[in-house]
Amino acid sequence: MGLSDEQRARYARDGYLQVRGLFGPEEIAEIRETFMQMAKDGPVSGLSDIPRAREGAPPDSADPLQFYPRMMHPHRHMDKPVGPLARRYMLEPRLEPVLRDLFGEAPYAAQSMFYFKPPGARGQDLHQDNFYLRVKPGTCLAAWVAVDDADAGNGGMMCVPETARLDIACPEKADPALSFTTDRVVPPAGLTPEMMELRAGDVLFFNGSVIHGSTPNTSADRFRRSLIFHYVPESTVELSHYYQAIGFDGETHAIAVNMDGGPCGETTALPAGPH
């Protein structure tokens, strides 16, 4: 089922759109339990973003992301329980008509990620996703699945209105006391982030130019888990080499590597680091 005219207009204006209750409680419980079981003994080599957790460093009891770093591209790990599950939800038929409406053409899946964000975890400073994916022409689109209720109290998602049509900026350095990643994009003067009030099962869609991020989880006992997918339009001709395009029929599509240096003059892109 596609979007209403009102939803299309809202996305065209803001570059982001919240769809309520796209996934049901049983589906969210399956996602939550599968990833928590995978992480029960800490980071998983080859799956967890261990460099963010300072691989080889002594455990830091003050940094819960040492035990719960995000998991990157779980859909590629078909030998692990999270692999088939991540791929199934990444290619979930309910997502396809929404993405098709927002792109105006067929979507290809390019990335999956899972964020745990336990109590006490740092947030992620404001950034733009297409700095990392480097889709050309056009931009990428995220589908951010709330696995827990997400709000200001547990480090919820923020989007900056009126930034959907901005150019991709070269980031400044983020404050490491507040952000577990290093990039920060400063919004234009007069524009401030809007905190999204999400419930488990909601999906937040936003394009790759939207400036967005999250705050630290200051709650005492609330995780803020999320399963995140990135998509690119069928017309994409270049993409950063970290990503592989998969149609909703499961077929892989070859897309040339974007060798453009990007706004910082680099020759390669970094792994996507949203939310």
C-alpha atoms as a PDB file:
ATOM      1  CA  MET A   1       0.000   0.000   0.000  1.00  0.00           C
ATOM      2  CA  GLY A   2       1.384   3.383  -1.044  1.00  0.00           C
ATOM      3  CA  LEU A   3       1.185   6.802   0.555  1.00  0.00           C
ATOM      4  CA  SER A   4      -1.637   9.298   0.716  1.00  0.00           C
ATOM      5  CA  ASP A   5      -1.427  12.624  -1.111  1.00  0.00           C
ATOM      6  CA  GLU A   6      -0.957  14.302   2.266  1.00  0.00           C
ATOM      7  CA  GLN A   7       1.985  12.059   3.138  1.00  0.00           C
ATOM      8  CA  ARG A   8       3.621  12.661  -0.247  1.00  0.00           C
ATOM      9  CA  ALA A   9       3.213  16.405   0.195  1.00  0.00           C
ATOM     10  CA  ARG A  10       4.715  16.254   3.697  1.00  0.00           C
ATOM     11  CA  TYR A  11       7.746  14.340   2.442  1.00  0.00           C
ATOM     12  CA  ALA A  12       8.166  16.703  -0.506  1.00  0.00           C
ATOM     13  CA  ARG A  13       8.203  19.612   1.947  1.00  0.00           C
ATOM     14  CA  ASP A  14      10.335  18.158   4.756  1.00  0.00           C
ATOM     15  CA  GLY A  15      12.358  15.330   3.203  1.00  0.00           C
ATOM     16  CA  TYR A  16      11.250  13.018   6.010  1.00  0.00           C
ATOM     17  CA  LEU A  17       8.077  11.142   6.864  1.00  0.00           C
ATOM     18  CA  GLN A  18       6.983   9.053   9.844  1.00  0.00           C
ATOM     19  CA  VAL A  19       4.742   6.046   9.084  1.00  0.00           C
ATOM     20  CA  ARG A  20       3.005   4.746  12.187  1.00  0.00           C
ATOM     21  CA  GLY A  21       2.764   1.050  13.065  1.00  0.00           C
ATOM     22  CA  LEU A  22       4.160  -0.339   9.827  1.00  0.00           C
ATOM     23  CA  PHE A  23       5.470  -3.340  11.774  1.00  0.00           C
ATOM     24  CA  GLY A  24       3.471  -5.164  14.432  1.00  0.00           C
ATOM     25  CA  PRO A  25       4.436  -6.067  18.037  1.00  0.00           C
ATOM     26  CA  GLU A  26       5.294  -9.698  17.210  1.00  0.00           C
ATOM     27  CA  GLU A  27       7.583  -8.642  14.363  1.00  0.00           C
ATOM     28  CA  ILE A  28       9.329  -6.063  16.521  1.00  0.00           C
ATOM     29  CA  ALA A  29       9.765  -8.630  19.300  1.00  0.00           C
ATOM     30  CA  GLU A  30      11.351 -11.044  16.797  1.00  0.00           C
ATOM     31  CA  ILE A  31      13.800  -8.372  15.631  1.00  0.00           C
ATOM     32  CA  ARG A  32      14.662  -7.273  19.168  1.00  0.00           C
ATOM     33  CA  GLU A  33      15.165 -10.781  20.542  1.00  0.00           C
ATOM     34  CA  THR A  34      17.223 -12.026  17.589  1.00  0.00           C
ATOM     35  CA  PHE A  35      19.686  -9.141  17.766  1.00  0.00           C
ATOM     36  CA  MET A  36      19.893  -9.159  21.556  1.00  0.00           C
ATOM     37  CA  GLN A  37      20.675 -12.880  21.509  1.00  0.00           C
ATOM     38  CA  MET A  38      23.380 -12.241  18.907  1.00  0.00           C
ATOM     39  CA  ALA A  39      24.917  -9.563  21.158  1.00  0.00           C
ATOM     40  CA  LYS A  40      24.628 -11.399  24.488  1.00  0.00           C
ATOM     41  CA  ASP A  41      28.387 -11.986  24.705  1.00  0.00           C
ATOM     42  CA  GLY A  42      29.428  -8.598  23.360  1.00  0.00           C
ATOM     43  CA  PRO A  43      30.781  -7.535  19.952  1.00  0.00           C
ATOM     44  CA  VAL A  44      30.762 -10.105  17.149  1.00  0.00           C
ATOM     45  CA  SER A  45      33.858 -10.104  14.937  1.00  0.00           C
ATOM     46  CA  GLY A  46      33.090  -9.185  11.346  1.00  0.00           C
ATOM     47  CA  LEU A  47      29.578  -8.003  12.195  1.00  0.00           C
ATOM     48  CA  SER A  48      29.869  -5.478  15.027  1.00  0.00           C
ATOM     49  CA  ASP A  49      31.423  -2.075  14.383  1.00  0.00           C
ATOM     50  CA  ILE A  50      34.318  -3.020  16.645  1.00  0.00           C
ATOM     51  CA  PRO A  51      36.615  -0.100  15.694  1.00  0.00           C
ATOM     52  CA  ARG A  52      34.000   2.203  17.237  1.00  0.00           C
ATOM     53  CA  ALA A  53      34.368   0.134  20.412  1.00  0.00           C
ATOM     54  CA  ARG A  54      38.175   0.501  20.297  1.00  0.00           C
ATOM     55  CA  GLU A  55      39.110  -3.101  19.549  1.00  0.00           C
ATOM     56  CA  GLY A  56      41.846  -4.321  21.867  1.00  0.00           C
ATOM     57  CA  ALA A  57      41.313  -1.562  24.419  1.00  0.00           C
ATOM     58  CA  PRO A  58      40.453  -2.420  28.032  1.00  0.00           C
ATOM     59  CA  PRO A  59      36.699  -2.472  28.727  1.00  0.00           C
ATOM     60  CA  ASP A  60      35.324   0.945  29.606  1.00  0.00           C
ATOM     61  CA  SER A  61      32.471   0.557  32.068  1.00  0.00           C
ATOM     62  CA  ALA A  62      31.458   4.146  31.396  1.00  0.00           C
ATOM     63  CA  ASP A  63      30.880   3.445  27.689  1.00  0.00           C
ATOM     64  CA  PRO A  64      28.107   0.884  27.096  1.00  0.00           C
ATOM     65  CA  LEU A  65      28.895   0.924  23.370  1.00  0.00           C
ATOM     66  CA  GLN A  66      32.011  -1.068  24.217  1.00  0.00           C
ATOM     67  CA  PHE A  67      29.681  -4.028  24.753  1.00  0.00           C
ATOM     68  CA  TYR A  68      26.923  -2.967  22.346  1.00  0.00           C
ATOM     69  CA  PRO A  69      28.471  -1.391  19.225  1.00  0.00           C
ATOM     70  CA  ARG A  70      26.217  -1.160  16.204  1.00  0.00           C
ATOM     71  CA  MET A  71      26.079  -4.101  13.770  1.00  0.00           C
ATOM     72  CA  MET A  72      26.911  -3.310  10.146  1.00  0.00           C
ATOM     73  CA  HIS A  73      25.362  -5.008   7.093  1.00  0.00           C
ATOM     74  CA  PRO A  74      23.802  -7.888   9.073  1.00  0.00           C
ATOM     75  CA  HIS A  75      21.921  -8.963   5.919  1.00  0.00           C
ATOM     76  CA  ARG A  76      25.248 -10.152   4.478  1.00  0.00           C
ATOM     77  CA  HIS A  77      25.802 -12.598   7.368  1.00  0.00           C
ATOM     78  CA  MET A  78      23.509 -15.407   6.272  1.00  0.00           C
ATOM     79  CA  ASP A  79      25.436 -17.849   8.497  1.00  0.00           C
ATOM     80  CA  LYS A  80      24.164 -16.042  11.607  1.00  0.00           C
ATOM     81  CA  PRO A  81      20.567 -15.770  12.911  1.00  0.00           C
ATOM     82  CA  VAL A  82      20.501 -12.020  12.258  1.00  0.00           C
ATOM     83  CA  GLY A  83      21.367 -12.498   8.580  1.00  0.00           C
ATOM     84  CA  PRO A  84      18.180 -14.021   7.141  1.00  0.00           C
ATOM     85  CA  LEU A  85      16.072 -11.860   9.441  1.00  0.00           C
ATOM     86  CA  ALA A  86      17.768  -8.597   8.393  1.00  0.00           C
ATOM     87  CA  ARG A  87      17.542  -9.498   4.707  1.00  0.00           C
ATOM     88  CA  ARG A  88      13.864 -10.454   5.035  1.00  0.00           C
ATOM     89  CA  TYR A  89      12.915  -7.158   6.656  1.00  0.00           C
ATOM     90  CA  MET A  90      15.182  -5.156   4.335  1.00  0.00           C
ATOM     91  CA  LEU A  91      13.207  -6.548   1.389  1.00  0.00           C
ATOM     92  CA  GLU A  92       9.856  -6.525   3.210  1.00  0.00           C
ATOM     93  CA  PRO A  93       7.080  -5.951   0.624  1.00  0.00           C
ATOM     94  CA  ARG A  94       5.363  -3.345   2.820  1.00  0.00           C
ATOM     95  CA  LEU A  95       8.392  -1.059   2.458  1.00  0.00           C
ATOM     96  CA  GLU A  96       8.572  -1.243  -1.330  1.00  0.00           C
ATOM     97  CA  PRO A  97       5.498   0.846  -2.284  1.00  0.00           C
ATOM     98  CA  VAL A  98       6.414   3.566   0.230  1.00  0.00           C
ATOM     99  CA  LEU A  99       9.961   3.773  -1.109  1.00  0.00           C
ATOM    100  CA  ARG A 100       8.684   3.708  -4.703  1.00  0.00           C
ATOM    101  CA  ASP A 101       6.353   6.613  -3.935  1.00  0.00           C
ATOM    102  CA  LEU A 102       9.156   8.617  -2.308  1.00  0.00           C
ATOM    103  CA  PHE A 103      11.737   7.915  -5.020  1.00  0.00           C
ATOM    104  CA  GLY A 104       9.264   8.072  -7.882  1.00  0.00           C
ATOM    105  CA  GLU A 105      10.859   4.877  -9.205  1.00  0.00           C
ATOM    106  CA  ALA A 106      11.883   1.399  -8.107  1.00  0.00           C
ATOM    107  CA  PRO A 107      14.068   1.181  -4.957  1.00  0.00           C
ATOM    108  CA  TYR A 108      17.164  -0.970  -4.474  1.00  0.00           C
ATOM    109  CA  ALA A 109      18.350  -1.959  -0.987  1.00  0.00           C
ATOM    110  CA  ALA A 110      21.954  -0.979  -0.250  1.00  0.00           C
ATOM    111  CA  GLN A 111      22.612  -1.346   3.487  1.00  0.00           C
ATOM    112  CA  SER A 112      21.338  -2.686   6.803  1.00  0.00           C
ATOM    113  CA  MET A 113      22.425  -1.724  10.314  1.00  0.00           C
ATOM    114  CA  PHE A 114      21.280  -2.395  13.873  1.00  0.00           C
ATOM    115  CA  TYR A 115      21.796   0.107  16.694  1.00  0.00           C
ATOM    116  CA  PHE A 116      21.450  -0.990  20.335  1.00  0.00           C
ATOM    117  CA  LYS A 117      21.934   2.381  22.092  1.00  0.00           C
ATOM    118  CA  PRO A 118      21.661   1.189  25.712  1.00  0.00           C
ATOM    119  CA  PRO A 119      21.193   3.543  28.675  1.00  0.00           C
ATOM    120  CA  GLY A 120      24.202   5.832  29.036  1.00  0.00           C
ATOM    121  CA  ALA A 121      25.243   5.526  25.373  1.00  0.00           C
ATOM    122  CA  ARG A 122      26.407   8.576  23.477  1.00  0.00           C
ATOM    123  CA  GLY A 123      24.355   9.872  20.585  1.00  0.00           C
ATOM    124  CA  GLN A 124      25.386  10.624  17.026  1.00  0.00           C
ATOM    125  CA  ASP A 125      25.897  14.200  15.957  1.00  0.00           C
ATOM    126  CA  LEU A 126      24.033  15.795  13.067  1.00  0.00           C
ATOM    127  CA  HIS A 127      25.068  14.497   9.641  1.00  0.00           C
ATOM    128  CA  GLN A 128      23.822  13.687   6.120  1.00  0.00           C
ATOM    129  CA  ASP A 129      23.653  10.110   4.871  1.00  0.00           C
ATOM    130  CA  ASN A 130      24.589  10.721   1.253  1.00  0.00           C
ATOM    131  CA  PHE A 131      28.002  11.943   2.404  1.00  0.00           C
ATOM    132  CA  TYR A 132      28.686   8.223   2.954  1.00  0.00           C
ATOM    133  CA  LEU A 133      26.643   6.454   0.264  1.00  0.00           C
ATOM    134  CA  ARG A 134      27.511   8.994  -2.461  1.00  0.00           C
ATOM    135  CA  VAL A 135      24.575   8.123  -4.668  1.00  0.00           C
ATOM    136  CA  LYS A 136      24.817   9.728  -8.087  1.00  0.00           C
ATOM    137  CA  PRO A 137      22.596  11.161  -9.451  1.00  0.00           C
ATOM    138  CA  GLY A 138      19.967  11.812  -6.801  1.00  0.00           C
ATOM    139  CA  THR A 139      20.304  10.627  -3.218  1.00  0.00           C
ATOM    140  CA  CYS A 140      19.709   7.698  -0.886  1.00  0.00           C
ATOM    141  CA  LEU A 141      16.726   7.128   1.371  1.00  0.00           C
ATOM    142  CA  ALA A 142      16.698   5.641   4.884  1.00  0.00           C
ATOM    143  CA  ALA A 143      13.997   3.504   6.461  1.00  0.00           C
ATOM    144  CA  TRP A 144      14.602   3.748  10.229  1.00  0.00           C
ATOM    145  CA  VAL A 145      12.595   1.075  12.060  1.00  0.00           C
ATOM    146  CA  ALA A 146      11.971   1.850  15.739  1.00  0.00           C
ATOM    147  CA  VAL A 147      12.532  -1.346  17.743  1.00  0.00           C
ATOM    148  CA  ASP A 148      11.802   0.520  20.988  1.00  0.00           C
ATOM    149  CA  ASP A 149       9.864   3.689  21.666  1.00  0.00           C
ATOM    150  CA  ALA A 150      12.314   6.478  20.827  1.00  0.00           C
ATOM    151  CA  ASP A 151      12.055   9.994  22.226  1.00  0.00           C
ATOM    152  CA  ALA A 152      14.093  12.711  23.927  1.00  0.00           C
ATOM    153  CA  GLY A 153      14.437  10.611  27.075  1.00  0.00           C
ATOM    154  CA  ASN A 154      16.363   7.729  25.514  1.00  0.00           C
ATOM    155  CA  GLY A 155      18.302   9.416  22.718  1.00  0.00           C
ATOM    156  CA  GLY A 156      15.655   9.721  20.032  1.00  0.00           C
ATOM    157  CA  MET A 157      16.068  10.710  16.410  1.00  0.00           C
ATOM    158  CA  MET A 158      16.138  14.341  15.307  1.00  0.00           C
ATOM    159  CA  CYS A 159      15.638  15.762  11.816  1.00  0.00           C
ATOM    160  CA  VAL A 160      16.250  19.344  10.746  1.00  0.00           C
ATOM    161  CA  PRO A 161      13.374  20.744   8.669  1.00  0.00           C
ATOM    162  CA  GLU A 162      14.060  22.497   5.360  1.00  0.00           C
ATOM    163  CA  THR A 163      17.355  20.656   4.768  1.00  0.00           C
ATOM    164  CA  ALA A 164      16.162  18.081   2.222  1.00  0.00           C
ATOM    165  CA  ARG A 165      17.461  20.038  -0.772  1.00  0.00           C
ATOM    166  CA  LEU A 166      20.791  21.104   0.683  1.00  0.00           C
ATOM    167  CA  ASP A 167      24.086  20.164  -0.890  1.00  0.00           C
ATOM    168  CA  ILE A 168      26.141  17.551   0.975  1.00  0.00           C
ATOM    169  CA  ALA A 169      28.504  19.368   3.329  1.00  0.00           C
ATOM    170  CA  CYS A 170      31.983  18.477   4.499  1.00  0.00           C
ATOM    171  CA  PRO A 171      31.488  17.726   8.224  1.00  0.00           C
ATOM    172  CA  GLU A 172      33.192  19.400  11.137  1.00  0.00           C
ATOM    173  CA  LYS A 173      34.478  17.432  14.125  1.00  0.00           C
ATOM    174  CA  ALA A 174      31.865  16.212  16.588  1.00  0.00           C
ATOM    175  CA  ASP A 175      32.212  16.396  20.366  1.00  0.00           C
ATOM    176  CA  PRO A 176      33.392  12.889  21.426  1.00  0.00           C
ATOM    177  CA  ALA A 177      31.742  13.326  24.831  1.00  0.00           C
ATOM    178  CA  LEU A 178      28.341  13.437  23.133  1.00  0.00           C
ATOM    179  CA  SER A 179      28.784  11.558  19.858  1.00  0.00           C
ATOM    180  CA  PHE A 180      30.290   8.131  19.195  1.00  0.00           C
ATOM    181  CA  THR A 181      31.111   9.135  15.609  1.00  0.00           C
ATOM    182  CA  THR A 182      33.357  11.984  14.540  1.00  0.00           C
ATOM    183  CA  ASP A 183      31.235  13.951  12.027  1.00  0.00           C
ATOM    184  CA  ARG A 184      29.070  17.007  12.648  1.00  0.00           C
ATOM    185  CA  VAL A 185      27.127  19.040  10.089  1.00  0.00           C
ATOM    186  CA  VAL A 186      25.973  22.430  11.362  1.00  0.00           C
ATOM    187  CA  PRO A 187      22.452  23.343  10.166  1.00  0.00           C
ATOM    188  CA  PRO A 188      21.903  26.656   8.379  1.00  0.00           C
ATOM    189  CA  ALA A 189      21.199  29.613  10.639  1.00  0.00           C
ATOM    190  CA  GLY A 190      17.674  29.663  11.996  1.00  0.00           C
ATOM    191  CA  LEU A 191      17.009  25.940  11.514  1.00  0.00           C
ATOM    192  CA  THR A 192      16.829  23.669  14.559  1.00  0.00           C
ATOM    193  CA  PRO A 193      16.424  19.882  14.900  1.00  0.00           C
ATOM    194  CA  GLU A 194      12.966  18.442  15.491  1.00  0.00           C
ATOM    195  CA  MET A 195      12.799  15.516  17.922  1.00  0.00           C
ATOM    196  CA  MET A 196      10.864  12.611  16.415  1.00  0.00           C
ATOM    197  CA  GLU A 197       8.420  10.882  18.750  1.00  0.00           C
ATOM    198  CA  LEU A 198       8.532   7.273  17.541  1.00  0.00           C
ATOM    199  CA  ARG A 199       6.847   4.161  18.849  1.00  0.00           C
ATOM    200  CA  ALA A 200       8.134   0.617  18.354  1.00  0.00           C
ATOM    201  CA  GLY A 201       6.988  -0.495  14.907  1.00  0.00           C
ATOM    202  CA  ASP A 202       6.992   3.007  13.405  1.00  0.00           C
ATOM    203  CA  VAL A 203       9.260   3.679  10.432  1.00  0.00           C
ATOM    204  CA  LEU A 204      10.908   7.035   9.764  1.00  0.00           C
ATOM    205  CA  PHE A 205      11.803   7.630   6.109  1.00  0.00           C
ATOM    206  CA  PHE A 206      14.211  10.442   5.182  1.00  0.00           C
ATOM    207  CA  ASN A 207      16.385  11.350   2.239  1.00  0.00           C
ATOM    208  CA  GLY A 208      20.155  11.524   2.154  1.00  0.00           C
ATOM    209  CA  SER A 209      20.438  15.309   2.324  1.00  0.00           C
ATOM    210  CA  VAL A 210      18.341  15.741   5.471  1.00  0.00           C
ATOM    211  CA  ILE A 211      20.505  16.786   8.423  1.00  0.00           C
ATOM    212  CA  HIS A 212      19.691  14.436  11.294  1.00  0.00           C
ATOM    213  CA  GLY A 213      21.204  12.803  14.357  1.00  0.00           C
ATOM    214  CA  SER A 214      20.458  11.693  17.886  1.00  0.00           C
ATOM    215  CA  THR A 215      21.108  12.717  21.466  1.00  0.00           C
ATOM    216  CA  PRO A 216      22.758  10.614  24.208  1.00  0.00           C
ATOM    217  CA  ASN A 217      20.541   8.072  25.953  1.00  0.00           C
ATOM    218  CA  THR A 218      20.142   9.669  29.377  1.00  0.00           C
ATOM    219  CA  SER A 219      17.497   7.226  30.608  1.00  0.00           C
ATOM    220  CA  ALA A 220      18.130   4.861  33.502  1.00  0.00           C
ATOM    221  CA  ASP A 221      16.844   1.670  31.917  1.00  0.00           C
ATOM    222  CA  ARG A 222      15.527   2.219  28.371  1.00  0.00           C
ATOM    223  CA  PHE A 223      17.310   0.892  25.294  1.00  0.00           C
ATOM    224  CA  ARG A 224      16.728   2.723  22.012  1.00  0.00           C
ATOM    225  CA  ARG A 225      17.208  -0.043  19.485  1.00  0.00           C
ATOM    226  CA  SER A 226      16.660   0.479  15.779  1.00  0.00           C
ATOM    227  CA  LEU A 227      16.951  -1.537  12.569  1.00  0.00           C
ATOM    228  CA  ILE A 228      18.005   0.749   9.736  1.00  0.00           C
ATOM    229  CA  PHE A 229      18.001   0.221   5.992  1.00  0.00           C
ATOM    230  CA  HIS A 230      19.299   2.419   3.193  1.00  0.00           C
ATOM    231  CA  TYR A 231      17.948   2.366  -0.342  1.00  0.00           C
ATOM    232  CA  VAL A 232      18.945   3.939  -3.647  1.00  0.00           C
ATOM    233  CA  PRO A 233      16.806   4.653  -6.708  1.00  0.00           C
ATOM    234  CA  GLU A 234      16.879   2.349  -9.732  1.00  0.00           C
ATOM    235  CA  SER A 235      18.354   5.204 -11.814  1.00  0.00           C
ATOM    236  CA  THR A 236      21.521   5.295  -9.674  1.00  0.00           C
ATOM    237  CA  VAL A 237      24.654   5.128 -11.840  1.00  0.00           C
ATOM    238  CA  GLU A 238      27.333   5.486  -9.132  1.00  0.00           C
ATOM    239  CA  LEU A 239      27.549   4.468  -5.472  1.00  0.00           C
ATOM    240  CA  SER A 240      30.246   4.239  -2.817  1.00  0.00           C
ATOM    241  CA  HIS A 241      32.086   0.919  -2.922  1.00  0.00           C
ATOM    242  CA  TYR A 242      30.890  -0.151   0.554  1.00  0.00           C
ATOM    243  CA  TYR A 243      27.386  -0.882  -0.741  1.00  0.00           C
ATOM    244  CA  GLN A 244      25.658  -3.419  -2.992  1.00  0.00           C
ATOM    245  CA  ALA A 245      22.290  -2.793  -4.662  1.00  0.00           C
ATOM    246  CA  ILE A 246      19.606  -5.475  -4.275  1.00  0.00           C
ATOM    247  CA  GLY A 247      16.153  -5.281  -5.832  1.00  0.00           C
ATOM    248  CA  PHE A 248      13.025  -6.281  -3.935  1.00  0.00           C
ATOM    249  CA  ASP A 249      12.992  -9.413  -6.083  1.00  0.00           C
ATOM    250  CA  GLY A 250      16.303 -10.407  -4.486  1.00  0.00           C
ATOM    251  CA  GLU A 251      18.377  -9.778  -7.605  1.00  0.00           C
ATOM    252  CA  THR A 252      21.719  -7.970  -7.274  1.00  0.00           C
ATOM    253  CA  HIS A 253      22.345  -5.011  -9.601  1.00  0.00           C
ATOM    254  CA  ALA A 254      25.792  -3.816 -10.646  1.00  0.00           C
ATOM    255  CA  ILE A 255      26.362  -0.090 -10.056  1.00  0.00           C
ATOM    256  CA  ALA A 256      29.631   1.689 -10.826  1.00  0.00           C
ATOM    257  CA  VAL A 257      31.765   2.880  -7.920  1.00  0.00           C
ATOM    258  CA  ASN A 258      31.627   6.624  -7.275  1.00  0.00           C
ATOM    259  CA  MET A 259      35.243   7.809  -7.342  1.00  0.00           C
ATOM    260  CA  ASP A 260      34.334  11.467  -6.787  1.00  0.00           C
ATOM    261  CA  GLY A 261      36.285  12.920  -3.897  1.00  0.00           C
ATOM    262  CA  GLY A 262      33.143  14.375  -2.345  1.00  0.00           C
ATOM    263  CA  PRO A 263      32.824  17.663  -0.457  1.00  0.00           C
ATOM    264  CA  CYS A 264      35.938  16.993   1.634  1.00  0.00           C
ATOM    265  CA  GLY A 265      38.107  16.079  -1.358  1.00  0.00           C
ATOM    266  CA  GLU A 266      38.501  12.463  -0.245  1.00  0.00           C
ATOM    267  CA  THR A 267      38.874   9.658  -2.758  1.00  0.00           C
ATOM    268  CA  THR A 268      36.894   7.064  -0.826  1.00  0.00           C
ATOM    269  CA  ALA A 269      33.752   7.145   1.254  1.00  0.00           C
ATOM    270  CA  LEU A 270      33.485   6.009   4.830  1.00  0.00           C
ATOM    271  CA  PRO A 271      30.914   3.440   5.998  1.00  0.00           C
ATOM    272  CA  ALA A 272      27.551   5.085   6.556  1.00  0.00           C
ATOM    273  CA  GLY A 273      27.117   6.278  10.077  1.00  0.00           C
ATOM    274  CA  PRO A 274      23.601   7.546  10.557  1.00  0.00           C
ATOM    275  CA  HIS A 275      21.630   7.746  13.761  1.00  0.00           C
END
